[in-house]
Amino acid sequence: ELGESTYEEVELDAARLVERAQALRGGTPHPVIDLDLQLGPVQLVGRLGGIWDRGRVQARFSKLESGWELEEWIRHLAFCAAGPKGCEPATNLVGRPTSKKIMQIRFGFVEDAREQLEQLMAIYFRGQRVAMPFFPKTSRKYLTTLVNSKSPDDAEKQASQNAYKFWRPERNDASPAQP
């Protein structure tokens, strides 16, 4: 009975996820885009699918806080840099709920997508030469605090403090040495 109950809950979440993704796919499907972008010394070649009139739609039965969101952000930058024709330059991610709500994120058009990709490539190559700190969950905490701040005057300070508390929960009473 426990297995059946769990299955029914997962089945319901999956059905709601599919329903949300299908709603975002309004209009007609577009063909796969073949990427061939020169980004400084790097040639980015690949394919992007899942494109509809309202942009790319990607759905997975996983939480959006994972590395999937970062991967899709990079694909979204490539999508914008490629200059899609006949569809909205947006990417919609639909993921597993953390509560009773299906999670959804929408990336809008990025005007400087090519430059951002070039910066990411430079960071990648630097990371191949020297060890670099990478804290995606802490960075996300910083960004969400910054975006959701009700007080723009001290938003950066609050975001730094929240990210530090998230990174070092055992030191919640301490302040970061550098914001």
C-alpha atoms as a PDB file:
ATOM      1  CA  GLU A   1       0.000   0.000   0.000  1.00  0.00           C
ATOM      2  CA  LEU A   2       2.854   2.385   0.761  1.00  0.00           C
ATOM      3  CA  GLY A   3       4.312   1.753  -2.698  1.00  0.00           C
ATOM      4  CA  GLU A   4       0.959   2.373  -4.384  1.00  0.00           C
ATOM      5  CA  SER A   5       0.464   5.587  -2.419  1.00  0.00           C
ATOM      6  CA  THR A   6       3.926   6.848  -3.362  1.00  0.00           C
ATOM      7  CA  TYR A   7       3.374   5.863  -6.992  1.00  0.00           C
ATOM      8  CA  GLU A   8       0.077   7.755  -7.119  1.00  0.00           C
ATOM      9  CA  GLU A   9       1.752  10.884  -5.707  1.00  0.00           C
ATOM     10  CA  VAL A  10       4.606  10.703  -8.235  1.00  0.00           C
ATOM     11  CA  GLU A  11       2.157   9.978 -11.043  1.00  0.00           C
ATOM     12  CA  LEU A  12       0.126  13.073 -10.120  1.00  0.00           C
ATOM     13  CA  ASP A  13       3.258  15.274 -10.018  1.00  0.00           C
ATOM     14  CA  ALA A  14       4.409  13.902 -13.382  1.00  0.00           C
ATOM     15  CA  ALA A  15       0.996  14.519 -14.954  1.00  0.00           C
ATOM     16  CA  ARG A  16       0.950  18.121 -13.690  1.00  0.00           C
ATOM     17  CA  LEU A  17       4.486  18.651 -15.003  1.00  0.00           C
ATOM     18  CA  VAL A  18       3.510  17.336 -18.454  1.00  0.00           C
ATOM     19  CA  GLU A  19       0.371  19.502 -18.433  1.00  0.00           C
ATOM     20  CA  ARG A  20       2.400  22.648 -17.659  1.00  0.00           C
ATOM     21  CA  ALA A  21       4.993  21.851 -20.337  1.00  0.00           C
ATOM     22  CA  GLN A  22       2.288  21.242 -22.940  1.00  0.00           C
ATOM     23  CA  ALA A  23       0.626  24.556 -22.088  1.00  0.00           C
ATOM     24  CA  LEU A  24       3.936  26.351 -22.708  1.00  0.00           C
ATOM     25  CA  ARG A  25       4.387  24.611 -26.047  1.00  0.00           C
ATOM     26  CA  GLY A  26       1.516  26.542 -27.613  1.00  0.00           C
ATOM     27  CA  GLY A  27       1.658  26.957 -31.363  1.00  0.00           C
ATOM     28  CA  THR A  28       3.679  24.891 -33.767  1.00  0.00           C
ATOM     29  CA  PRO A  29       6.931  23.042 -33.200  1.00  0.00           C
ATOM     30  CA  HIS A  30      10.006  24.501 -34.900  1.00  0.00           C
ATOM     31  CA  PRO A  31      12.857  22.550 -36.426  1.00  0.00           C
ATOM     32  CA  VAL A  32      16.044  21.879 -34.497  1.00  0.00           C
ATOM     33  CA  ILE A  33      18.541  24.753 -34.667  1.00  0.00           C
ATOM     34  CA  ASP A  34      22.046  23.857 -35.811  1.00  0.00           C
ATOM     35  CA  LEU A  35      24.494  25.997 -33.860  1.00  0.00           C
ATOM     36  CA  ASP A  36      27.761  27.163 -35.359  1.00  0.00           C
ATOM     37  CA  LEU A  37      28.996  30.133 -33.325  1.00  0.00           C
ATOM     38  CA  GLN A  38      32.485  31.599 -33.269  1.00  0.00           C
ATOM     39  CA  LEU A  39      33.146  32.693 -29.664  1.00  0.00           C
ATOM     40  CA  GLY A  40      36.604  34.207 -29.589  1.00  0.00           C
ATOM     41  CA  PRO A  41      39.026  31.304 -30.097  1.00  0.00           C
ATOM     42  CA  VAL A  42      36.257  28.708 -29.665  1.00  0.00           C
ATOM     43  CA  GLN A  43      33.878  27.328 -32.263  1.00  0.00           C
ATOM     44  CA  LEU A  44      30.606  26.278 -30.557  1.00  0.00           C
ATOM     45  CA  VAL A  45      28.813  23.636 -32.600  1.00  0.00           C
ATOM     46  CA  GLY A  46      25.699  21.765 -31.570  1.00  0.00           C
ATOM     47  CA  ARG A  47      21.944  21.392 -31.897  1.00  0.00           C
ATOM     48  CA  LEU A  48      19.032  22.810 -29.924  1.00  0.00           C
ATOM     49  CA  GLY A  49      15.566  21.323 -30.025  1.00  0.00           C
ATOM     50  CA  GLY A  50      12.334  21.607 -28.082  1.00  0.00           C
ATOM     51  CA  ILE A  51      11.512  24.893 -29.834  1.00  0.00           C
ATOM     52  CA  TRP A  52       7.966  26.179 -30.159  1.00  0.00           C
ATOM     53  CA  ASP A  53       6.355  29.522 -31.063  1.00  0.00           C
ATOM     54  CA  ARG A  54       6.866  30.756 -27.484  1.00  0.00           C
ATOM     55  CA  GLY A  55      10.504  29.616 -27.356  1.00  0.00           C
ATOM     56  CA  ARG A  56      12.284  26.543 -26.024  1.00  0.00           C
ATOM     57  CA  VAL A  57      10.440  24.328 -23.554  1.00  0.00           C
ATOM     58  CA  GLN A  58      12.389  21.844 -21.448  1.00  0.00           C
ATOM     59  CA  ALA A  59      10.778  19.635 -18.813  1.00  0.00           C
ATOM     60  CA  ARG A  60      12.332  17.122 -16.428  1.00  0.00           C
ATOM     61  CA  PHE A  61      11.159  15.298 -13.363  1.00  0.00           C
ATOM     62  CA  SER A  62      13.931  16.854 -11.297  1.00  0.00           C
ATOM     63  CA  LYS A  63      14.184  19.944  -9.149  1.00  0.00           C
ATOM     64  CA  LEU A  64      15.341  23.132 -10.809  1.00  0.00           C
ATOM     65  CA  GLU A  65      17.920  23.844  -8.106  1.00  0.00           C
ATOM     66  CA  SER A  66      20.216  21.234  -9.616  1.00  0.00           C
ATOM     67  CA  GLY A  67      22.926  21.771 -12.208  1.00  0.00           C
ATOM     68  CA  TRP A  68      20.225  21.355 -14.838  1.00  0.00           C
ATOM     69  CA  GLU A  69      19.272  25.019 -14.479  1.00  0.00           C
ATOM     70  CA  LEU A  70      22.853  26.137 -15.134  1.00  0.00           C
ATOM     71  CA  GLU A  71      23.145  23.816 -18.145  1.00  0.00           C
ATOM     72  CA  GLU A  72      19.929  25.208 -19.598  1.00  0.00           C
ATOM     73  CA  TRP A  73      21.079  28.791 -18.972  1.00  0.00           C
ATOM     74  CA  ILE A  74      24.135  28.108 -21.156  1.00  0.00           C
ATOM     75  CA  ARG A  75      21.928  26.532 -23.842  1.00  0.00           C
ATOM     76  CA  HIS A  76      19.620  29.549 -23.593  1.00  0.00           C
ATOM     77  CA  LEU A  77      22.555  31.901 -24.187  1.00  0.00           C
ATOM     78  CA  ALA A  78      23.476  29.870 -27.279  1.00  0.00           C
ATOM     79  CA  PHE A  79      19.827  29.993 -28.394  1.00  0.00           C
ATOM     80  CA  CYS A  80      19.767  33.801 -28.090  1.00  0.00           C
ATOM     81  CA  ALA A  81      23.169  34.161 -29.782  1.00  0.00           C
ATOM     82  CA  ALA A  82      21.970  32.017 -32.692  1.00  0.00           C
ATOM     83  CA  GLY A  83      19.122  34.477 -33.308  1.00  0.00           C
ATOM     84  CA  PRO A  84      16.144  32.131 -33.613  1.00  0.00           C
ATOM     85  CA  LYS A  85      13.680  32.976 -36.375  1.00  0.00           C
ATOM     86  CA  GLY A  86       9.898  32.799 -36.116  1.00  0.00           C
ATOM     87  CA  CYS A  87       9.739  32.130 -32.395  1.00  0.00           C
ATOM     88  CA  GLU A  88      10.165  33.966 -29.131  1.00  0.00           C
ATOM     89  CA  PRO A  89      13.809  34.005 -27.907  1.00  0.00           C
ATOM     90  CA  ALA A  90      12.911  32.534 -24.508  1.00  0.00           C
ATOM     91  CA  THR A  91      13.498  29.278 -22.647  1.00  0.00           C
ATOM     92  CA  ASN A  92      10.971  27.765 -20.254  1.00  0.00           C
ATOM     93  CA  LEU A  93      12.081  25.157 -17.732  1.00  0.00           C
ATOM     94  CA  VAL A  94       9.521  23.041 -15.947  1.00  0.00           C
ATOM     95  CA  GLY A  95      10.631  20.861 -13.052  1.00  0.00           C
ATOM     96  CA  ARG A  96       9.505  18.699 -10.185  1.00  0.00           C
ATOM     97  CA  PRO A  97       7.734  20.451  -7.363  1.00  0.00           C
ATOM     98  CA  THR A  98       9.388  21.264  -4.074  1.00  0.00           C
ATOM     99  CA  SER A  99       5.948  21.725  -2.576  1.00  0.00           C
ATOM    100  CA  LYS A 100       2.605  21.238  -4.284  1.00  0.00           C
ATOM    101  CA  LYS A 101       3.448  23.675  -7.077  1.00  0.00           C
ATOM    102  CA  ILE A 102       5.245  22.691 -10.262  1.00  0.00           C
ATOM    103  CA  MET A 103       8.388  24.780 -10.568  1.00  0.00           C
ATOM    104  CA  GLN A 104       8.855  26.905 -13.652  1.00  0.00           C
ATOM    105  CA  ILE A 105      11.566  29.294 -14.723  1.00  0.00           C
ATOM    106  CA  ARG A 106      11.532  31.469 -17.809  1.00  0.00           C
ATOM    107  CA  PHE A 107      14.686  32.919 -19.315  1.00  0.00           C
ATOM    108  CA  GLY A 108      13.956  35.929 -21.523  1.00  0.00           C
ATOM    109  CA  PHE A 109      15.953  37.353 -24.395  1.00  0.00           C
ATOM    110  CA  VAL A 110      19.592  38.099 -23.570  1.00  0.00           C
ATOM    111  CA  GLU A 111      20.928  40.878 -25.776  1.00  0.00           C
ATOM    112  CA  ASP A 112      24.606  40.236 -24.976  1.00  0.00           C
ATOM    113  CA  ALA A 113      24.347  36.421 -25.112  1.00  0.00           C
ATOM    114  CA  ARG A 114      27.424  36.031 -27.312  1.00  0.00           C
ATOM    115  CA  GLU A 115      29.543  38.105 -24.915  1.00  0.00           C
ATOM    116  CA  GLN A 116      28.266  36.137 -21.908  1.00  0.00           C
ATOM    117  CA  LEU A 117      29.145  32.866 -23.654  1.00  0.00           C
ATOM    118  CA  GLU A 118      32.629  34.193 -24.386  1.00  0.00           C
ATOM    119  CA  GLN A 119      33.048  35.094 -20.696  1.00  0.00           C
ATOM    120  CA  LEU A 120      31.896  31.625 -19.650  1.00  0.00           C
ATOM    121  CA  MET A 121      34.374  30.055 -22.078  1.00  0.00           C
ATOM    122  CA  ALA A 122      37.177  32.197 -20.628  1.00  0.00           C
ATOM    123  CA  ILE A 123      36.203  31.054 -17.118  1.00  0.00           C
ATOM    124  CA  TYR A 124      36.117  27.443 -18.294  1.00  0.00           C
ATOM    125  CA  PHE A 125      39.607  27.656 -19.822  1.00  0.00           C
ATOM    126  CA  ARG A 126      40.943  29.413 -16.742  1.00  0.00           C
ATOM    127  CA  GLY A 127      39.476  26.601 -14.648  1.00  0.00           C
ATOM    128  CA  GLN A 128      41.439  24.124 -16.766  1.00  0.00           C
ATOM    129  CA  ARG A 129      44.675  25.830 -15.675  1.00  0.00           C
ATOM    130  CA  VAL A 130      44.004  26.702 -12.011  1.00  0.00           C
ATOM    131  CA  ALA A 131      41.619  25.488  -9.339  1.00  0.00           C
ATOM    132  CA  MET A 132      38.634  27.791  -9.041  1.00  0.00           C
ATOM    133  CA  PRO A 133      35.963  27.952  -6.345  1.00  0.00           C
ATOM    134  CA  PHE A 134      32.499  27.144  -7.632  1.00  0.00           C
ATOM    135  CA  PHE A 135      29.536  27.412  -5.296  1.00  0.00           C
ATOM    136  CA  PRO A 136      26.356  27.188  -7.387  1.00  0.00           C
ATOM    137  CA  LYS A 137      23.903  26.829  -4.484  1.00  0.00           C
ATOM    138  CA  THR A 138      25.469  29.708  -2.558  1.00  0.00           C
ATOM    139  CA  SER A 139      25.482  31.844  -5.718  1.00  0.00           C
ATOM    140  CA  ARG A 140      21.823  31.039  -6.292  1.00  0.00           C
ATOM    141  CA  LYS A 141      21.020  32.106  -2.714  1.00  0.00           C
ATOM    142  CA  TYR A 142      22.814  35.414  -3.338  1.00  0.00           C
ATOM    143  CA  LEU A 143      20.938  36.036  -6.589  1.00  0.00           C
ATOM    144  CA  THR A 144      17.482  35.099  -5.288  1.00  0.00           C
ATOM    145  CA  THR A 145      17.969  37.338  -2.252  1.00  0.00           C
ATOM    146  CA  LEU A 146      19.088  40.193  -4.515  1.00  0.00           C
ATOM    147  CA  VAL A 147      16.152  39.776  -6.913  1.00  0.00           C
ATOM    148  CA  ASN A 148      13.528  39.376  -4.158  1.00  0.00           C
ATOM    149  CA  SER A 149      14.827  42.192  -1.961  1.00  0.00           C
ATOM    150  CA  LYS A 150      12.221  44.664  -0.752  1.00  0.00           C
ATOM    151  CA  SER A 151      14.914  47.202   0.129  1.00  0.00           C
ATOM    152  CA  PRO A 152      17.092  48.098  -2.883  1.00  0.00           C
ATOM    153  CA  ASP A 153      19.415  50.248  -0.743  1.00  0.00           C
ATOM    154  CA  ASP A 154      20.886  47.335   1.202  1.00  0.00           C
ATOM    155  CA  ALA A 155      20.002  44.500  -1.191  1.00  0.00           C
ATOM    156  CA  GLU A 156      23.629  43.612  -1.956  1.00  0.00           C
ATOM    157  CA  LYS A 157      24.583  43.580   1.713  1.00  0.00           C
ATOM    158  CA  GLN A 158      21.602  41.352   2.581  1.00  0.00           C
ATOM    159  CA  ALA A 159      22.338  39.076  -0.377  1.00  0.00           C
ATOM    160  CA  SER A 160      25.984  38.711   0.723  1.00  0.00           C
ATOM    161  CA  GLN A 161      24.941  37.943   4.288  1.00  0.00           C
ATOM    162  CA  ASN A 162      22.349  35.352   3.223  1.00  0.00           C
ATOM    163  CA  ALA A 163      24.792  33.666   0.850  1.00  0.00           C
ATOM    164  CA  TYR A 164      27.425  33.521   3.581  1.00  0.00           C
ATOM    165  CA  LYS A 165      24.947  32.043   6.066  1.00  0.00           C
ATOM    166  CA  PHE A 166      23.982  29.453   3.471  1.00  0.00           C
ATOM    167  CA  TRP A 167      27.627  28.617   2.720  1.00  0.00           C
ATOM    168  CA  ARG A 168      28.740  28.502   6.371  1.00  0.00           C
ATOM    169  CA  PRO A 169      25.625  27.590   8.412  1.00  0.00           C
ATOM    170  CA  GLU A 170      27.742  26.735  11.462  1.00  0.00           C
ATOM    171  CA  ARG A 171      28.835  30.383  11.610  1.00  0.00           C
ATOM    172  CA  ASN A 172      25.422  32.032  11.413  1.00  0.00           C
ATOM    173  CA  ASP A 173      26.434  34.560  14.059  1.00  0.00           C
ATOM    174  CA  ALA A 174      29.574  35.615  12.186  1.00  0.00           C
ATOM    175  CA  SER A 175      29.699  38.204   9.461  1.00  0.00           C
ATOM    176  CA  PRO A 176      31.564  37.596   6.224  1.00  0.00           C
ATOM    177  CA  ALA A 177      35.054  39.054   6.093  1.00  0.00           C
ATOM    178  CA  GLN A 178      34.412  40.413   2.611  1.00  0.00           C
ATOM    179  CA  PRO A 179      30.895  41.089   1.253  1.00  0.00           C
END
